[in-house]
Amino acid sequence: MAKGKEEGQFMRYLGVEFQSDQTVWVSIFVDGGEVSSFETGFIKIAGTKSADDMKQYVADLKQLFADYPATKIAIKDKPETGRMRAGAAAMKMEGVFLLTAPYEVKFLSPKAVAKAMETASGVKEKYKDAYRAAVAISKA
């Protein structure tokens, strides 16, 4: 992963959404209350029933946190029950993420994420909710 801007120039926020077997993330740089730049990426988990796969996921998360230190982290919440509930891999990734994150983590409802009406121009569809979560937490 590429390094971000030097610490102290910007406030950084990390938005996260768990999609199937991927942790989709967007790191935004906020200067003067406005998003000045952002970087995107994802971490794919190879499997959830192998200790080696889970250890690799933890190592990848630690690298993410080292490369993109954040003031706060926002996770788009997924329901644990009902028709649109999160899958088993997403729930396991969420738990490991919470245990690994060295920064404050807030869960935001899909409604709160949708309210972050910041134009996401230049943001690929896959990353839009993670981007909006980062914007929402930057304004909280």
N, C-alpha and C. Protein backbone atom coordinates (compact mmCIF):
# COMPACT_ATOMS: atom_id res chain seq x y z
N MET A 1 0.83 -1.18 0.00
CA MET A 1 0.00 0.00 0.00
C MET A 1 0.88 1.25 0.00
N ALA A 2 0.45 2.24 -0.74
CA ALA A 2 1.21 3.49 -0.79
C ALA A 2 0.99 4.28 0.48
N LYS A 3 1.99 5.03 0.83
CA LYS A 3 1.88 5.90 2.01
C LYS A 3 1.01 7.10 1.67
N GLY A 4 0.30 7.60 2.69
CA GLY A 4 -0.52 8.80 2.53
C GLY A 4 0.33 10.04 2.75
N LYS A 5 -0.32 11.18 2.87
CA LYS A 5 0.36 12.46 3.14
C LYS A 5 1.02 12.40 4.51
N GLU A 6 1.98 13.25 4.74
CA GLU A 6 2.65 13.31 6.03
C GLU A 6 1.66 13.65 7.14
N GLU A 7 1.79 13.00 8.27
CA GLU A 7 0.93 13.22 9.42
C GLU A 7 0.96 14.68 9.84
N GLY A 8 -0.19 15.24 10.17
CA GLY A 8 -0.27 16.60 10.66
C GLY A 8 -0.71 17.60 9.60
N GLN A 9 -0.53 17.31 8.31
CA GLN A 9 -0.97 18.22 7.26
C GLN A 9 -2.48 18.20 7.12
N PHE A 10 -3.08 17.09 7.33
CA PHE A 10 -4.51 16.90 7.14
C PHE A 10 -5.08 16.11 8.31
N MET A 11 -6.37 16.20 8.48
CA MET A 11 -7.07 15.26 9.37
C MET A 11 -7.44 14.09 8.47
N ARG A 12 -7.25 12.89 8.97
CA ARG A 12 -7.54 11.70 8.17
C ARG A 12 -8.69 10.93 8.79
N TYR A 13 -9.53 10.39 7.95
CA TYR A 13 -10.65 9.56 8.38
C TYR A 13 -10.70 8.35 7.47
N LEU A 14 -11.09 7.24 8.06
CA LEU A 14 -11.17 5.99 7.31
C LEU A 14 -12.62 5.52 7.31
N GLY A 15 -13.17 5.31 6.15
CA GLY A 15 -14.52 4.75 6.00
C GLY A 15 -14.40 3.32 5.54
N VAL A 16 -15.25 2.45 6.11
CA VAL A 16 -15.16 1.01 5.83
C VAL A 16 -16.54 0.44 5.56
N GLU A 17 -16.60 -0.46 4.61
CA GLU A 17 -17.80 -1.26 4.38
C GLU A 17 -17.35 -2.70 4.13
N PHE A 18 -18.03 -3.64 4.76
CA PHE A 18 -17.74 -5.05 4.54
C PHE A 18 -18.65 -5.55 3.44
N GLN A 19 -18.06 -6.01 2.35
CA GLN A 19 -18.80 -6.52 1.20
C GLN A 19 -18.37 -7.95 0.94
N SER A 20 -19.24 -8.88 1.26
CA SER A 20 -18.97 -10.30 1.04
C SER A 20 -17.67 -10.70 1.73
N ASP A 21 -16.61 -10.99 0.98
CA ASP A 21 -15.33 -11.41 1.57
C ASP A 21 -14.27 -10.32 1.48
N GLN A 22 -14.74 -9.05 1.40
CA GLN A 22 -13.82 -7.93 1.27
C GLN A 22 -14.09 -6.84 2.29
N THR A 23 -13.03 -6.25 2.77
CA THR A 23 -13.11 -5.04 3.58
C THR A 23 -12.76 -3.90 2.64
N VAL A 24 -13.78 -3.15 2.25
CA VAL A 24 -13.60 -2.03 1.32
C VAL A 24 -13.34 -0.78 2.16
N TRP A 25 -12.29 -0.02 1.83
CA TRP A 25 -11.95 1.14 2.63
C TRP A 25 -11.66 2.35 1.77
N VAL A 26 -11.91 3.51 2.37
CA VAL A 26 -11.55 4.80 1.76
C VAL A 26 -10.92 5.65 2.85
N SER A 27 -9.76 6.17 2.57
CA SER A 27 -9.07 7.09 3.47
C SER A 27 -9.23 8.48 2.87
N ILE A 28 -9.86 9.39 3.64
CA ILE A 28 -10.03 10.76 3.14
C ILE A 28 -9.11 11.69 3.91
N PHE A 29 -8.67 12.72 3.24
CA PHE A 29 -7.84 13.76 3.82
C PHE A 29 -8.70 15.02 3.86
N VAL A 30 -8.91 15.56 5.03
CA VAL A 30 -9.77 16.72 5.21
C VAL A 30 -8.92 17.92 5.60
N ASP A 31 -9.08 18.98 4.86
CA ASP A 31 -8.36 20.22 5.12
C ASP A 31 -9.38 21.35 5.14
N GLY A 32 -9.48 22.05 6.25
CA GLY A 32 -10.43 23.14 6.36
C GLY A 32 -11.88 22.68 6.26
N GLY A 33 -12.15 21.47 6.72
CA GLY A 33 -13.51 20.95 6.72
C GLY A 33 -13.96 20.35 5.40
N GLU A 34 -13.10 20.37 4.40
CA GLU A 34 -13.44 19.82 3.08
C GLU A 34 -12.51 18.67 2.73
N VAL A 35 -13.05 17.69 2.00
CA VAL A 35 -12.23 16.58 1.53
C VAL A 35 -11.29 17.12 0.46
N SER A 36 -10.00 17.02 0.71
CA SER A 36 -9.03 17.51 -0.27
C SER A 36 -8.52 16.41 -1.18
N SER A 37 -8.50 15.18 -0.66
CA SER A 37 -8.10 14.04 -1.48
C SER A 37 -8.52 12.76 -0.77
N PHE A 38 -8.45 11.67 -1.50
CA PHE A 38 -8.81 10.38 -0.92
C PHE A 38 -8.06 9.27 -1.62
N GLU A 39 -7.99 8.13 -0.93
CA GLU A 39 -7.40 6.93 -1.49
C GLU A 39 -8.33 5.76 -1.16
N THR A 40 -8.38 4.79 -2.04
CA THR A 40 -9.29 3.66 -1.86
C THR A 40 -8.53 2.34 -1.94
N GLY A 41 -9.16 1.31 -1.45
CA GLY A 41 -8.60 -0.01 -1.56
C GLY A 41 -9.51 -1.03 -0.90
N PHE A 42 -9.10 -2.26 -0.94
CA PHE A 42 -9.85 -3.32 -0.28
C PHE A 42 -8.89 -4.41 0.16
N ILE A 43 -9.34 -5.13 1.16
CA ILE A 43 -8.60 -6.30 1.66
C ILE A 43 -9.53 -7.49 1.49
N LYS A 44 -9.08 -8.45 0.73
CA LYS A 44 -9.88 -9.66 0.50
C LYS A 44 -9.39 -10.73 1.46
N ILE A 45 -10.33 -11.36 2.13
CA ILE A 45 -9.98 -12.45 3.04
C ILE A 45 -10.07 -13.75 2.25
N ALA A 46 -9.03 -14.55 2.32
CA ALA A 46 -8.97 -15.78 1.54
C ALA A 46 -9.95 -16.83 2.07
N GLY A 47 -10.17 -16.85 3.37
CA GLY A 47 -11.07 -17.81 3.97
C GLY A 47 -11.26 -17.49 5.44
N THR A 48 -12.33 -17.99 6.02
CA THR A 48 -12.62 -17.69 7.42
C THR A 48 -12.50 -18.91 8.32
N LYS A 49 -12.09 -20.04 7.76
CA LYS A 49 -11.98 -21.25 8.55
C LYS A 49 -10.55 -21.74 8.67
N SER A 50 -9.62 -20.90 8.25
CA SER A 50 -8.21 -21.25 8.31
C SER A 50 -7.50 -20.21 9.18
N ALA A 51 -6.73 -20.69 10.14
CA ALA A 51 -5.97 -19.78 11.01
C ALA A 51 -4.98 -18.95 10.18
N ASP A 52 -4.36 -19.57 9.19
CA ASP A 52 -3.41 -18.83 8.35
C ASP A 52 -4.10 -17.70 7.58
N ASP A 53 -5.29 -17.97 7.06
CA ASP A 53 -6.04 -16.93 6.34
C ASP A 53 -6.42 -15.79 7.27
N MET A 54 -6.85 -16.12 8.48
CA MET A 54 -7.24 -15.08 9.43
C MET A 54 -6.02 -14.28 9.88
N LYS A 55 -4.89 -14.94 10.07
CA LYS A 55 -3.66 -14.24 10.45
C LYS A 55 -3.21 -13.30 9.33
N GLN A 56 -3.38 -13.73 8.09
CA GLN A 56 -3.02 -12.87 6.96
C GLN A 56 -3.95 -11.65 6.92
N TYR A 57 -5.23 -11.85 7.22
CA TYR A 57 -6.19 -10.74 7.25
C TYR A 57 -5.77 -9.73 8.33
N VAL A 58 -5.39 -10.21 9.50
CA VAL A 58 -4.93 -9.33 10.58
C VAL A 58 -3.68 -8.57 10.14
N ALA A 59 -2.74 -9.24 9.50
CA ALA A 59 -1.52 -8.58 9.01
C ALA A 59 -1.86 -7.50 7.99
N ASP A 60 -2.81 -7.80 7.10
CA ASP A 60 -3.23 -6.81 6.10
C ASP A 60 -3.90 -5.60 6.77
N LEU A 61 -4.71 -5.85 7.80
CA LEU A 61 -5.34 -4.74 8.53
C LEU A 61 -4.28 -3.88 9.22
N LYS A 62 -3.33 -4.51 9.86
CA LYS A 62 -2.27 -3.76 10.54
C LYS A 62 -1.49 -2.90 9.55
N GLN A 63 -1.28 -3.43 8.35
CA GLN A 63 -0.59 -2.65 7.32
C GLN A 63 -1.46 -1.47 6.88
N LEU A 64 -2.76 -1.68 6.74
CA LEU A 64 -3.68 -0.60 6.40
C LEU A 64 -3.61 0.51 7.44
N PHE A 65 -3.68 0.14 8.72
CA PHE A 65 -3.65 1.13 9.79
C PHE A 65 -2.30 1.86 9.85
N ALA A 66 -1.22 1.17 9.53
CA ALA A 66 0.09 1.80 9.51
C ALA A 66 0.22 2.78 8.33
N ASP A 67 -0.30 2.40 7.19
CA ASP A 67 -0.19 3.23 5.99
C ASP A 67 -1.17 4.40 5.99
N TYR A 68 -2.32 4.23 6.62
CA TYR A 68 -3.38 5.25 6.61
C TYR A 68 -3.88 5.51 8.03
N PRO A 69 -3.05 6.10 8.87
CA PRO A 69 -3.50 6.41 10.23
C PRO A 69 -4.69 7.37 10.16
N ALA A 70 -5.65 7.19 11.05
CA ALA A 70 -6.89 7.97 10.99
C ALA A 70 -7.21 8.60 12.33
N THR A 71 -7.89 9.73 12.27
CA THR A 71 -8.41 10.36 13.48
C THR A 71 -9.54 9.51 14.03
N LYS A 72 -10.41 9.06 13.14
CA LYS A 72 -11.55 8.19 13.48
C LYS A 72 -11.80 7.25 12.32
N ILE A 73 -12.46 6.14 12.64
CA ILE A 73 -12.86 5.16 11.63
C ILE A 73 -14.37 5.01 11.69
N ALA A 74 -15.01 5.00 10.53
CA ALA A 74 -16.45 4.78 10.45
C ALA A 74 -16.72 3.51 9.67
N ILE A 75 -17.57 2.66 10.22
CA ILE A 75 -17.98 1.43 9.55
C ILE A 75 -19.46 1.53 9.22
N LYS A 76 -19.79 1.27 7.96
CA LYS A 76 -21.21 1.20 7.60
C LYS A 76 -21.77 -0.06 8.22
N ASP A 77 -22.76 0.14 9.09
CA ASP A 77 -23.34 -0.98 9.84
C ASP A 77 -24.14 -1.89 8.92
N LYS A 78 -24.07 -3.17 9.21
CA LYS A 78 -24.86 -4.19 8.51
C LYS A 78 -25.73 -4.89 9.54
N PRO A 79 -26.98 -5.15 9.20
CA PRO A 79 -27.84 -5.86 10.15
C PRO A 79 -27.33 -7.27 10.42
N GLU A 80 -27.50 -7.71 11.66
CA GLU A 80 -27.08 -9.06 12.02
C GLU A 80 -28.21 -10.07 11.86
N THR A 81 -29.44 -9.57 11.72
CA THR A 81 -30.60 -10.44 11.53
C THR A 81 -31.46 -9.88 10.40
N GLY A 82 -32.40 -10.68 9.95
CA GLY A 82 -33.32 -10.23 8.91
C GLY A 82 -32.89 -10.66 7.52
N ARG A 83 -33.65 -10.21 6.53
CA ARG A 83 -33.40 -10.63 5.15
C ARG A 83 -32.09 -10.10 4.57
N MET A 84 -31.69 -8.91 4.96
CA MET A 84 -30.50 -8.29 4.38
C MET A 84 -29.30 -8.34 5.34
N ARG A 85 -29.26 -9.37 6.18
CA ARG A 85 -28.20 -9.46 7.19
C ARG A 85 -26.83 -9.73 6.55
N ALA A 86 -25.83 -9.39 7.31
CA ALA A 86 -24.45 -9.59 6.87
C ALA A 86 -24.14 -11.09 6.83
N GLY A 87 -23.29 -11.48 5.92
CA GLY A 87 -22.88 -12.87 5.82
C GLY A 87 -21.85 -13.23 6.88
N ALA A 88 -21.57 -14.52 6.97
CA ALA A 88 -20.64 -15.01 7.99
C ALA A 88 -19.25 -14.39 7.84
N ALA A 89 -18.75 -14.28 6.62
CA ALA A 89 -17.41 -13.71 6.42
C ALA A 89 -17.39 -12.25 6.86
N ALA A 90 -18.42 -11.49 6.52
CA ALA A 90 -18.48 -10.08 6.91
C ALA A 90 -18.50 -9.93 8.43
N MET A 91 -19.24 -10.78 9.10
CA MET A 91 -19.31 -10.70 10.57
C MET A 91 -17.96 -11.05 11.20
N LYS A 92 -17.28 -12.04 10.66
CA LYS A 92 -15.96 -12.40 11.20
C LYS A 92 -14.95 -11.29 10.93
N MET A 93 -14.99 -10.72 9.72
CA MET A 93 -14.07 -9.62 9.40
C MET A 93 -14.34 -8.43 10.31
N GLU A 94 -15.60 -8.15 10.57
CA GLU A 94 -15.95 -7.03 11.44
C GLU A 94 -15.37 -7.22 12.84
N GLY A 95 -15.51 -8.42 13.39
CA GLY A 95 -14.99 -8.69 14.72
C GLY A 95 -13.48 -8.55 14.79
N VAL A 96 -12.79 -9.10 13.82
CA VAL A 96 -11.33 -9.01 13.79
C VAL A 96 -10.91 -7.55 13.58
N PHE A 97 -11.63 -6.83 12.75
CA PHE A 97 -11.35 -5.42 12.50
C PHE A 97 -11.43 -4.64 13.81
N LEU A 98 -12.49 -4.85 14.58
CA LEU A 98 -12.67 -4.14 15.84
C LEU A 98 -11.55 -4.45 16.83
N LEU A 99 -11.12 -5.69 16.87
CA LEU A 99 -10.04 -6.08 17.78
C LEU A 99 -8.69 -5.52 17.34
N THR A 100 -8.52 -5.26 16.06
CA THR A 100 -7.24 -4.84 15.51
C THR A 100 -7.10 -3.32 15.42
N ALA A 101 -8.22 -2.62 15.26
CA ALA A 101 -8.18 -1.17 15.02
C ALA A 101 -7.54 -0.42 16.17
N PRO A 102 -6.53 0.39 15.89
CA PRO A 102 -5.88 1.17 16.94
C PRO A 102 -6.53 2.53 17.17
N TYR A 103 -7.58 2.83 16.43
CA TYR A 103 -8.25 4.13 16.51
C TYR A 103 -9.71 3.94 16.88
N GLU A 104 -10.34 5.05 17.25
CA GLU A 104 -11.76 5.03 17.59
C GLU A 104 -12.58 4.56 16.39
N VAL A 105 -13.51 3.63 16.64
CA VAL A 105 -14.37 3.09 15.59
C VAL A 105 -15.82 3.40 15.93
N LYS A 106 -16.56 3.94 14.97
CA LYS A 106 -17.99 4.23 15.13
C LYS A 106 -18.74 3.49 14.04
N PHE A 107 -19.87 2.91 14.43
CA PHE A 107 -20.75 2.31 13.44
C PHE A 107 -21.78 3.33 13.03
N LEU A 108 -22.00 3.44 11.73
CA LEU A 108 -22.99 4.37 11.21
C LEU A 108 -24.07 3.57 10.48
N SER A 109 -25.32 3.94 10.71
CA SER A 109 -26.43 3.27 10.04
C SER A 109 -26.37 3.56 8.54
N PRO A 110 -26.94 2.69 7.72
CA PRO A 110 -26.99 2.98 6.28
C PRO A 110 -27.65 4.33 5.99
N LYS A 111 -28.63 4.70 6.81
CA LYS A 111 -29.31 5.99 6.63
C LYS A 111 -28.34 7.15 6.89
N ALA A 112 -27.54 7.04 7.95
CA ALA A 112 -26.56 8.09 8.26
C ALA A 112 -25.50 8.20 7.16
N VAL A 113 -25.09 7.05 6.62
CA VAL A 113 -24.11 7.05 5.54
C VAL A 113 -24.71 7.71 4.30
N ALA A 114 -25.96 7.38 4.00
CA ALA A 114 -26.62 7.95 2.82
C ALA A 114 -26.78 9.47 2.95
N LYS A 115 -26.91 9.96 4.18
CA LYS A 115 -27.08 11.40 4.39
C LYS A 115 -25.82 12.19 4.09
N ALA A 116 -24.69 11.54 4.07
CA ALA A 116 -23.44 12.22 3.75
C ALA A 116 -23.46 12.49 2.25
N MET A 117 -24.14 13.54 1.87
CA MET A 117 -24.42 13.80 0.47
C MET A 117 -23.24 14.42 -0.28
N GLU A 118 -22.09 14.35 0.32
CA GLU A 118 -20.88 14.84 -0.33
C GLU A 118 -20.81 14.20 -1.71
N THR A 119 -20.56 15.02 -2.70
CA THR A 119 -20.45 14.44 -4.03
C THR A 119 -19.25 13.51 -4.07
N ALA A 120 -19.48 12.35 -4.53
CA ALA A 120 -18.44 11.34 -4.59
C ALA A 120 -17.92 11.24 -6.02
N SER A 121 -17.71 12.39 -6.64
CA SER A 121 -17.21 12.37 -8.01
C SER A 121 -15.81 11.77 -8.04
N GLY A 122 -15.59 10.92 -8.99
CA GLY A 122 -14.30 10.25 -9.09
C GLY A 122 -14.18 9.02 -8.22
N VAL A 123 -15.24 8.70 -7.45
CA VAL A 123 -15.23 7.52 -6.58
C VAL A 123 -15.98 6.40 -7.29
N LYS A 124 -15.32 5.28 -7.48
CA LYS A 124 -15.98 4.13 -8.11
C LYS A 124 -17.13 3.65 -7.24
N GLU A 125 -18.12 3.10 -7.86
CA GLU A 125 -19.34 2.65 -7.17
C GLU A 125 -19.04 1.76 -5.98
N LYS A 126 -18.10 0.85 -6.12
CA LYS A 126 -17.74 -0.09 -5.05
C LYS A 126 -17.34 0.63 -3.76
N TYR A 127 -16.78 1.84 -3.87
CA TYR A 127 -16.23 2.56 -2.72
C TYR A 127 -17.13 3.67 -2.19
N LYS A 128 -18.26 3.93 -2.83
CA LYS A 128 -19.07 5.11 -2.47
C LYS A 128 -19.57 5.09 -1.03
N ASP A 129 -20.06 3.96 -0.53
CA ASP A 129 -20.55 3.94 0.85
C ASP A 129 -19.43 4.08 1.86
N ALA A 130 -18.28 3.51 1.59
CA ALA A 130 -17.13 3.68 2.48
C ALA A 130 -16.68 5.15 2.46
N TYR A 131 -16.72 5.77 1.29
CA TYR A 131 -16.38 7.19 1.17
C TYR A 131 -17.35 8.04 1.97
N ARG A 132 -18.65 7.79 1.80
CA ARG A 132 -19.66 8.56 2.52
C ARG A 132 -19.54 8.35 4.04
N ALA A 133 -19.20 7.14 4.47
CA ALA A 133 -19.02 6.88 5.91
C ALA A 133 -17.85 7.72 6.43
N ALA A 134 -16.76 7.79 5.68
CA ALA A 134 -15.62 8.60 6.11
C ALA A 134 -16.00 10.08 6.18
N VAL A 135 -16.75 10.56 5.20
CA VAL A 135 -17.19 11.96 5.20
C VAL A 135 -18.10 12.21 6.40
N ALA A 136 -19.03 11.31 6.66
CA ALA A 136 -19.96 11.47 7.78
C ALA A 136 -19.22 11.55 9.11
N ILE A 137 -18.23 10.68 9.31
CA ILE A 137 -17.51 10.69 10.59
C ILE A 137 -16.61 11.92 10.70
N SER A 138 -16.18 12.46 9.57
CA SER A 138 -15.34 13.67 9.61
C SER A 138 -16.13 14.89 10.06
N LYS A 139 -17.45 14.84 9.90
CA LYS A 139 -18.30 15.97 10.26
C LYS A 139 -18.95 15.79 11.63
N ALA A 140 -18.71 14.62 12.25
CA ALA A 140 -19.33 14.33 13.55
C ALA A 140 -18.61 15.02 14.70
